[in-house]
Amino acid sequence: MDADRQAPVFSEGRIEVSASPEVLWDVMADFENWPAWNPDVESVALGGPVTEGTVFRWKAGPSRLVSTLQRVERPHALGWTGRTMGIRAIHLWRFEPDPGGAIASTEESFNGAVAKLFQKRLQKQLDETTTKGLEALKRAAERRGEV
């Protein structure tokens, strides 16, 4: 599972983190605690264990989303698909070991008529969300654990 690089809206980013891939994965996989470290997320309700096929509902900014876990590979990758307001999203996080800890990378794509219609505005929003999300994850992981 990868985000769609040909989608009308696509964003990716990466950041060095002074924490292990296991710590990064554990922070990201603790869905219901996202609001504690990610200011863009208001609430998350996970509908079961962190396994492929589990649905979670969440609120981020003005959007209410329903997402399904598609890739669950501790400590290397965590990804999901989701829908909101006519947008089909694919979001994937990867965590790779690095001499100073780990590299966290993310990619996300938006497809659908709404993504095409509001491409420029959504691209700007997604690029900002990508950067802020990586920085917030870095802070949370570095607070939580050692390399």
N, C-alpha and C. Protein backbone atom coordinates (compact mmCIF):
# COMPACT_ATOMS: atom_id res chain seq x y z
N MET A 1 0.85 -1.19 0.00
CA MET A 1 0.00 0.00 0.00
C MET A 1 0.89 1.24 0.00
N ASP A 2 0.67 2.09 -0.96
CA ASP A 2 1.35 3.38 -1.05
C ASP A 2 0.31 4.43 -1.40
N ALA A 3 0.63 5.67 -1.07
CA ALA A 3 -0.22 6.77 -1.51
C ALA A 3 -0.12 6.89 -3.03
N ASP A 4 -1.10 7.51 -3.64
CA ASP A 4 -1.18 7.65 -5.09
C ASP A 4 -0.44 8.92 -5.53
N ARG A 5 0.77 8.74 -6.05
CA ARG A 5 1.58 9.89 -6.48
C ARG A 5 0.97 10.64 -7.67
N GLN A 6 0.03 10.02 -8.37
CA GLN A 6 -0.62 10.66 -9.51
C GLN A 6 -1.94 11.35 -9.12
N ALA A 7 -2.30 11.30 -7.86
CA ALA A 7 -3.54 11.91 -7.38
C ALA A 7 -3.49 13.42 -7.56
N PRO A 8 -4.65 14.08 -7.61
CA PRO A 8 -4.66 15.54 -7.72
C PRO A 8 -3.91 16.23 -6.57
N VAL A 9 -3.95 15.60 -5.39
CA VAL A 9 -3.27 16.17 -4.22
C VAL A 9 -2.39 15.07 -3.62
N PHE A 10 -1.10 15.36 -3.50
CA PHE A 10 -0.15 14.40 -2.95
C PHE A 10 0.89 15.17 -2.15
N SER A 11 1.23 14.65 -0.98
CA SER A 11 2.26 15.28 -0.16
C SER A 11 3.09 14.20 0.49
N GLU A 12 4.36 14.52 0.73
CA GLU A 12 5.24 13.60 1.43
C GLU A 12 6.27 14.41 2.21
N GLY A 13 6.84 13.77 3.23
CA GLY A 13 7.87 14.41 4.02
C GLY A 13 8.58 13.41 4.88
N ARG A 14 9.70 13.84 5.45
CA ARG A 14 10.48 12.98 6.33
C ARG A 14 11.20 13.84 7.35
N ILE A 15 11.54 13.21 8.49
CA ILE A 15 12.20 13.93 9.55
C ILE A 15 13.07 12.96 10.35
N GLU A 16 14.21 13.43 10.80
CA GLU A 16 15.08 12.65 11.67
C GLU A 16 14.55 12.76 13.09
N VAL A 17 14.55 11.64 13.80
CA VAL A 17 14.00 11.61 15.15
C VAL A 17 14.98 10.88 16.07
N SER A 18 15.22 11.44 17.25
CA SER A 18 16.09 10.81 18.25
C SER A 18 15.27 9.84 19.09
N ALA A 19 14.72 8.86 18.43
CA ALA A 19 13.95 7.78 19.07
C ALA A 19 13.97 6.61 18.11
N SER A 20 13.73 5.43 18.62
CA SER A 20 13.78 4.23 17.79
C SER A 20 12.53 4.12 16.90
N PRO A 21 12.61 3.31 15.83
CA PRO A 21 11.41 3.06 15.03
C PRO A 21 10.28 2.47 15.88
N GLU A 22 10.62 1.64 16.88
CA GLU A 22 9.59 1.05 17.75
C GLU A 22 8.83 2.12 18.52
N VAL A 23 9.57 3.12 19.03
CA VAL A 23 8.90 4.21 19.76
C VAL A 23 8.02 5.02 18.82
N LEU A 24 8.53 5.34 17.64
CA LEU A 24 7.72 6.08 16.66
C LEU A 24 6.44 5.32 16.34
N TRP A 25 6.58 4.03 16.05
CA TRP A 25 5.42 3.22 15.70
C TRP A 25 4.43 3.18 16.86
N ASP A 26 4.94 3.01 18.08
CA ASP A 26 4.04 2.94 19.24
C ASP A 26 3.28 4.24 19.45
N VAL A 27 3.95 5.38 19.24
CA VAL A 27 3.25 6.68 19.36
C VAL A 27 2.16 6.78 18.30
N MET A 28 2.50 6.43 17.06
CA MET A 28 1.52 6.54 15.97
C MET A 28 0.39 5.54 16.14
N ALA A 29 0.68 4.34 16.61
CA ALA A 29 -0.34 3.29 16.74
C ALA A 29 -1.22 3.47 17.96
N ASP A 30 -0.89 4.42 18.82
CA ASP A 30 -1.72 4.73 20.00
C ASP A 30 -2.76 5.77 19.55
N PHE A 31 -3.66 5.34 18.70
CA PHE A 31 -4.58 6.24 18.00
C PHE A 31 -5.35 7.17 18.93
N GLU A 32 -5.89 6.64 19.98
CA GLU A 32 -6.75 7.45 20.84
C GLU A 32 -5.99 8.53 21.59
N ASN A 33 -4.65 8.48 21.58
CA ASN A 33 -3.84 9.54 22.19
C ASN A 33 -3.33 10.55 21.17
N TRP A 34 -3.71 10.44 19.92
CA TRP A 34 -3.29 11.43 18.93
C TRP A 34 -3.58 12.86 19.37
N PRO A 35 -4.77 13.15 19.93
CA PRO A 35 -5.03 14.54 20.31
C PRO A 35 -4.05 15.09 21.35
N ALA A 36 -3.40 14.22 22.12
CA ALA A 36 -2.46 14.68 23.14
C ALA A 36 -1.17 15.25 22.53
N TRP A 37 -0.81 14.81 21.32
CA TRP A 37 0.44 15.30 20.74
C TRP A 37 0.27 15.96 19.38
N ASN A 38 -0.86 15.74 18.71
CA ASN A 38 -1.08 16.33 17.39
C ASN A 38 -2.18 17.37 17.48
N PRO A 39 -1.83 18.65 17.43
CA PRO A 39 -2.84 19.70 17.60
C PRO A 39 -3.92 19.74 16.53
N ASP A 40 -3.69 19.08 15.39
CA ASP A 40 -4.69 19.06 14.32
C ASP A 40 -5.79 18.04 14.57
N VAL A 41 -5.58 17.11 15.51
CA VAL A 41 -6.54 16.04 15.75
C VAL A 41 -7.32 16.33 17.03
N GLU A 42 -8.64 16.36 16.89
CA GLU A 42 -9.51 16.65 18.04
C GLU A 42 -9.92 15.38 18.79
N SER A 43 -10.19 14.30 18.05
CA SER A 43 -10.62 13.06 18.70
C SER A 43 -10.40 11.88 17.77
N VAL A 44 -10.22 10.69 18.40
CA VAL A 44 -10.08 9.44 17.64
C VAL A 44 -10.77 8.34 18.43
N ALA A 45 -11.54 7.52 17.73
CA ALA A 45 -12.15 6.34 18.34
C ALA A 45 -11.79 5.14 17.48
N LEU A 46 -11.01 4.24 18.05
CA LEU A 46 -10.57 3.05 17.34
C LEU A 46 -11.59 1.95 17.58
N GLY A 47 -12.03 1.29 16.49
CA GLY A 47 -13.09 0.29 16.59
C GLY A 47 -12.61 -1.13 16.80
N GLY A 48 -11.42 -1.31 17.38
CA GLY A 48 -10.89 -2.66 17.60
C GLY A 48 -9.40 -2.61 17.78
N PRO A 49 -8.74 -3.76 17.66
CA PRO A 49 -7.29 -3.79 17.82
C PRO A 49 -6.58 -3.15 16.63
N VAL A 50 -5.32 -2.82 16.81
CA VAL A 50 -4.53 -2.23 15.74
C VAL A 50 -4.08 -3.36 14.80
N THR A 51 -4.99 -3.71 13.89
CA THR A 51 -4.73 -4.73 12.89
C THR A 51 -5.37 -4.28 11.57
N GLU A 52 -4.90 -4.86 10.49
CA GLU A 52 -5.46 -4.53 9.18
C GLU A 52 -6.96 -4.82 9.18
N GLY A 53 -7.72 -3.87 8.66
CA GLY A 53 -9.17 -4.01 8.59
C GLY A 53 -9.92 -3.29 9.69
N THR A 54 -9.22 -2.87 10.74
CA THR A 54 -9.88 -2.15 11.83
C THR A 54 -10.24 -0.74 11.37
N VAL A 55 -11.45 -0.32 11.70
CA VAL A 55 -11.95 1.01 11.34
C VAL A 55 -11.75 1.95 12.53
N PHE A 56 -11.37 3.20 12.21
CA PHE A 56 -11.34 4.22 13.25
C PHE A 56 -12.00 5.49 12.73
N ARG A 57 -12.63 6.19 13.65
CA ARG A 57 -13.33 7.44 13.33
C ARG A 57 -12.60 8.55 14.06
N TRP A 58 -12.42 9.67 13.34
CA TRP A 58 -11.66 10.75 13.96
C TRP A 58 -12.06 12.10 13.40
N LYS A 59 -11.71 13.12 14.15
CA LYS A 59 -11.99 14.49 13.75
C LYS A 59 -10.68 15.25 13.70
N ALA A 60 -10.41 15.83 12.56
CA ALA A 60 -9.21 16.63 12.36
C ALA A 60 -9.62 17.90 11.63
N GLY A 61 -9.35 19.04 12.25
CA GLY A 61 -9.80 20.30 11.66
C GLY A 61 -11.31 20.27 11.49
N PRO A 62 -11.81 20.70 10.33
CA PRO A 62 -13.26 20.69 10.12
C PRO A 62 -13.80 19.33 9.67
N SER A 63 -12.92 18.37 9.46
CA SER A 63 -13.33 17.09 8.87
C SER A 63 -13.59 16.01 9.92
N ARG A 64 -14.64 15.24 9.65
CA ARG A 64 -14.89 14.00 10.38
C ARG A 64 -14.57 12.88 9.40
N LEU A 65 -13.68 11.99 9.82
CA LEU A 65 -13.19 10.97 8.91
C LEU A 65 -13.49 9.57 9.41
N VAL A 66 -13.66 8.67 8.47
CA VAL A 66 -13.77 7.24 8.76
C VAL A 66 -12.64 6.59 7.97
N SER A 67 -11.73 5.94 8.68
CA SER A 67 -10.56 5.34 8.05
C SER A 67 -10.47 3.87 8.40
N THR A 68 -9.78 3.13 7.55
CA THR A 68 -9.57 1.70 7.76
C THR A 68 -8.09 1.39 7.67
N LEU A 69 -7.57 0.71 8.68
CA LEU A 69 -6.16 0.32 8.68
C LEU A 69 -5.92 -0.68 7.55
N GLN A 70 -4.92 -0.40 6.74
CA GLN A 70 -4.60 -1.25 5.59
C GLN A 70 -3.22 -1.89 5.70
N ARG A 71 -2.34 -1.24 6.45
CA ARG A 71 -0.97 -1.76 6.60
C ARG A 71 -0.54 -1.59 8.04
N VAL A 72 -0.26 -2.70 8.70
CA VAL A 72 0.14 -2.70 10.10
C VAL A 72 1.36 -3.60 10.22
N GLU A 73 2.55 -2.98 10.23
CA GLU A 73 3.81 -3.72 10.28
C GLU A 73 4.73 -3.08 11.31
N ARG A 74 4.55 -3.48 12.58
CA ARG A 74 5.38 -2.90 13.64
C ARG A 74 6.80 -3.41 13.50
N PRO A 75 7.82 -2.57 13.56
CA PRO A 75 7.82 -1.12 13.77
C PRO A 75 8.05 -0.34 12.48
N HIS A 76 7.79 -0.94 11.32
CA HIS A 76 8.21 -0.33 10.06
C HIS A 76 7.17 0.54 9.35
N ALA A 77 5.90 0.18 9.43
CA ALA A 77 4.91 0.91 8.63
C ALA A 77 3.52 0.84 9.25
N LEU A 78 2.78 1.91 9.04
CA LEU A 78 1.39 1.99 9.49
C LEU A 78 0.65 2.84 8.46
N GLY A 79 -0.42 2.28 7.88
CA GLY A 79 -1.12 3.02 6.85
C GLY A 79 -2.60 2.74 6.84
N TRP A 80 -3.36 3.69 6.28
CA TRP A 80 -4.81 3.56 6.24
C TRP A 80 -5.38 4.29 5.04
N THR A 81 -6.61 3.93 4.73
CA THR A 81 -7.38 4.65 3.73
C THR A 81 -8.56 5.29 4.45
N GLY A 82 -9.12 6.33 3.84
CA GLY A 82 -10.25 6.98 4.47
C GLY A 82 -11.03 7.83 3.49
N ARG A 83 -12.19 8.27 3.97
CA ARG A 83 -13.07 9.12 3.15
C ARG A 83 -13.63 10.23 4.02
N THR A 84 -13.73 11.39 3.40
CA THR A 84 -14.43 12.51 4.02
C THR A 84 -14.81 13.50 2.93
N MET A 85 -15.97 14.04 3.01
CA MET A 85 -16.45 15.10 2.11
C MET A 85 -16.09 14.85 0.65
N GLY A 86 -16.27 13.62 0.16
CA GLY A 86 -16.01 13.32 -1.24
C GLY A 86 -14.55 13.13 -1.59
N ILE A 87 -13.68 13.05 -0.61
CA ILE A 87 -12.26 12.83 -0.85
C ILE A 87 -11.90 11.42 -0.39
N ARG A 88 -11.17 10.71 -1.25
CA ARG A 88 -10.62 9.40 -0.88
C ARG A 88 -9.15 9.60 -0.58
N ALA A 89 -8.75 9.28 0.64
CA ALA A 89 -7.37 9.50 1.07
C ALA A 89 -6.65 8.19 1.33
N ILE A 90 -5.36 8.21 1.07
CA ILE A 90 -4.45 7.12 1.43
C ILE A 90 -3.32 7.76 2.21
N HIS A 91 -3.03 7.22 3.40
CA HIS A 91 -1.98 7.80 4.25
C HIS A 91 -1.09 6.67 4.76
N LEU A 92 0.22 6.83 4.56
CA LEU A 92 1.18 5.82 4.98
C LEU A 92 2.32 6.48 5.74
N TRP A 93 2.68 5.88 6.87
CA TRP A 93 3.84 6.27 7.67
C TRP A 93 4.85 5.14 7.61
N ARG A 94 6.14 5.51 7.51
CA ARG A 94 7.24 4.54 7.56
C ARG A 94 8.25 5.00 8.60
N PHE A 95 8.86 4.03 9.28
CA PHE A 95 9.85 4.31 10.32
C PHE A 95 11.07 3.44 10.06
N GLU A 96 12.21 4.07 9.77
CA GLU A 96 13.43 3.35 9.42
C GLU A 96 14.53 3.69 10.41
N PRO A 97 15.33 2.69 10.82
CA PRO A 97 16.44 2.97 11.71
C PRO A 97 17.44 3.91 11.05
N ASP A 98 18.09 4.71 11.86
CA ASP A 98 19.07 5.68 11.41
C ASP A 98 20.12 5.78 12.52
N PRO A 99 21.36 6.12 12.21
CA PRO A 99 22.38 6.16 13.26
C PRO A 99 22.00 6.99 14.50
N GLY A 100 21.25 8.05 14.34
CA GLY A 100 20.85 8.87 15.48
C GLY A 100 19.51 8.48 16.08
N GLY A 101 18.89 7.45 15.57
CA GLY A 101 17.57 7.03 16.03
C GLY A 101 16.77 6.45 14.90
N ALA A 102 16.00 7.32 14.23
CA ALA A 102 15.15 6.83 13.14
C ALA A 102 14.78 7.97 12.19
N ILE A 103 14.32 7.57 11.02
CA ILE A 103 13.73 8.51 10.06
C ILE A 103 12.24 8.18 10.01
N ALA A 104 11.41 9.17 10.25
CA ALA A 104 9.96 9.03 10.07
C ALA A 104 9.63 9.67 8.73
N SER A 105 8.91 8.94 7.89
CA SER A 105 8.47 9.51 6.62
C SER A 105 6.98 9.24 6.46
N THR A 106 6.35 10.11 5.72
CA THR A 106 4.92 9.97 5.49
C THR A 106 4.58 10.40 4.08
N GLU A 107 3.53 9.81 3.55
CA GLU A 107 2.99 10.22 2.26
C GLU A 107 1.48 10.10 2.32
N GLU A 108 0.82 11.03 1.66
CA GLU A 108 -0.65 11.02 1.66
C GLU A 108 -1.15 11.55 0.33
N SER A 109 -2.25 10.95 -0.13
CA SER A 109 -2.86 11.41 -1.38
C SER A 109 -4.35 11.58 -1.20
N PHE A 110 -4.90 12.53 -1.98
CA PHE A 110 -6.34 12.78 -2.03
C PHE A 110 -6.80 12.59 -3.46
N ASN A 111 -7.85 11.78 -3.65
CA ASN A 111 -8.47 11.56 -4.94
C ASN A 111 -9.94 11.94 -4.88
N GLY A 112 -10.54 12.09 -6.04
CA GLY A 112 -11.97 12.36 -6.13
C GLY A 112 -12.26 13.74 -6.69
N ALA A 113 -13.53 13.96 -6.99
CA ALA A 113 -13.95 15.22 -7.62
C ALA A 113 -13.62 16.43 -6.75
N VAL A 114 -13.81 16.31 -5.45
CA VAL A 114 -13.53 17.43 -4.54
C VAL A 114 -12.04 17.76 -4.55
N ALA A 115 -11.20 16.73 -4.58
CA ALA A 115 -9.75 16.95 -4.63
C ALA A 115 -9.35 17.67 -5.92
N LYS A 116 -9.99 17.33 -7.02
CA LYS A 116 -9.70 17.99 -8.29
C LYS A 116 -10.19 19.44 -8.28
N LEU A 117 -11.40 19.63 -7.77
CA LEU A 117 -12.01 20.95 -7.77
C LEU A 117 -11.25 21.94 -6.89
N PHE A 118 -10.79 21.49 -5.73
CA PHE A 118 -10.12 22.38 -4.78
C PHE A 118 -8.64 22.02 -4.64
N GLN A 119 -8.03 21.60 -5.74
CA GLN A 119 -6.67 21.08 -5.73
C GLN A 119 -5.66 22.02 -5.08
N LYS A 120 -5.63 23.27 -5.47
CA LYS A 120 -4.61 24.20 -4.94
C LYS A 120 -4.76 24.41 -3.44
N ARG A 121 -5.99 24.64 -2.99
CA ARG A 121 -6.21 24.88 -1.56
C ARG A 121 -5.91 23.62 -0.76
N LEU A 122 -6.36 22.46 -1.23
CA LEU A 122 -6.12 21.21 -0.52
C LEU A 122 -4.64 20.84 -0.52
N GLN A 123 -3.92 21.14 -1.62
CA GLN A 123 -2.49 20.86 -1.66
C GLN A 123 -1.75 21.68 -0.60
N LYS A 124 -2.10 22.95 -0.51
CA LYS A 124 -1.47 23.80 0.50
C LYS A 124 -1.76 23.28 1.91
N GLN A 125 -3.01 22.93 2.17
CA GLN A 125 -3.39 22.40 3.48
C GLN A 125 -2.65 21.11 3.79
N LEU A 126 -2.60 20.20 2.83
CA LEU A 126 -1.96 18.91 3.07
C LEU A 126 -0.46 19.07 3.29
N ASP A 127 0.19 19.94 2.53
CA ASP A 127 1.62 20.18 2.74
C ASP A 127 1.88 20.71 4.15
N GLU A 128 1.04 21.64 4.60
CA GLU A 128 1.20 22.18 5.96
C GLU A 128 0.94 21.10 7.01
N THR A 129 -0.09 20.30 6.81
CA THR A 129 -0.42 19.22 7.75
C THR A 129 0.69 18.18 7.80
N THR A 130 1.29 17.88 6.67
CA THR A 130 2.40 16.92 6.62
C THR A 130 3.57 17.41 7.47
N THR A 131 3.97 18.65 7.26
CA THR A 131 5.09 19.22 8.02
C THR A 131 4.78 19.28 9.50
N LYS A 132 3.61 19.79 9.85
CA LYS A 132 3.24 19.89 11.27
C LYS A 132 3.10 18.52 11.91
N GLY A 133 2.57 17.54 11.19
CA GLY A 133 2.41 16.20 11.73
C GLY A 133 3.75 15.54 12.01
N LEU A 134 4.70 15.70 11.09
CA LEU A 134 6.04 15.13 11.31
C LEU A 134 6.71 15.77 12.52
N GLU A 135 6.61 17.09 12.63
CA GLU A 135 7.23 17.78 13.76
C GLU A 135 6.58 17.38 15.08
N ALA A 136 5.27 17.24 15.09
CA ALA A 136 4.56 16.85 16.32
C ALA A 136 4.91 15.41 16.71
N LEU A 137 4.99 14.52 15.72
CA LEU A 137 5.37 13.14 16.01
C LEU A 137 6.78 13.08 16.57
N LYS A 138 7.68 13.83 16.01
CA LYS A 138 9.07 13.89 16.50
C LYS A 138 9.11 14.29 17.97
N ARG A 139 8.40 15.37 18.30
CA ARG A 139 8.38 15.84 19.71
C ARG A 139 7.81 14.76 20.63
N ALA A 140 6.72 14.14 20.22
CA ALA A 140 6.08 13.14 21.06
C ALA A 140 6.98 11.92 21.24
N ALA A 141 7.60 11.46 20.18
CA ALA A 141 8.46 10.27 20.26
C ALA A 141 9.71 10.55 21.09
N GLU A 142 10.29 11.73 20.92
CA GLU A 142 11.49 12.05 21.67
C GLU A 142 11.19 12.22 23.16
N ARG A 143 10.00 12.68 23.50
CA ARG A 143 9.59 12.76 24.92
C ARG A 143 9.36 11.37 25.49
N ARG A 144 8.86 10.48 24.66
CA ARG A 144 8.42 9.16 25.13
C ARG A 144 9.54 8.15 25.33
N GLY A 145 10.56 8.20 24.49
CA GLY A 145 11.53 7.12 24.60
C GLY A 145 12.92 7.48 24.15
N GLU A 146 13.79 6.59 24.49
CA GLU A 146 15.20 6.70 24.12
C GLU A 146 15.44 5.95 22.82
N VAL A 147 16.60 6.21 22.25
CA VAL A 147 17.01 5.53 21.02
C VAL A 147 17.27 4.06 21.33
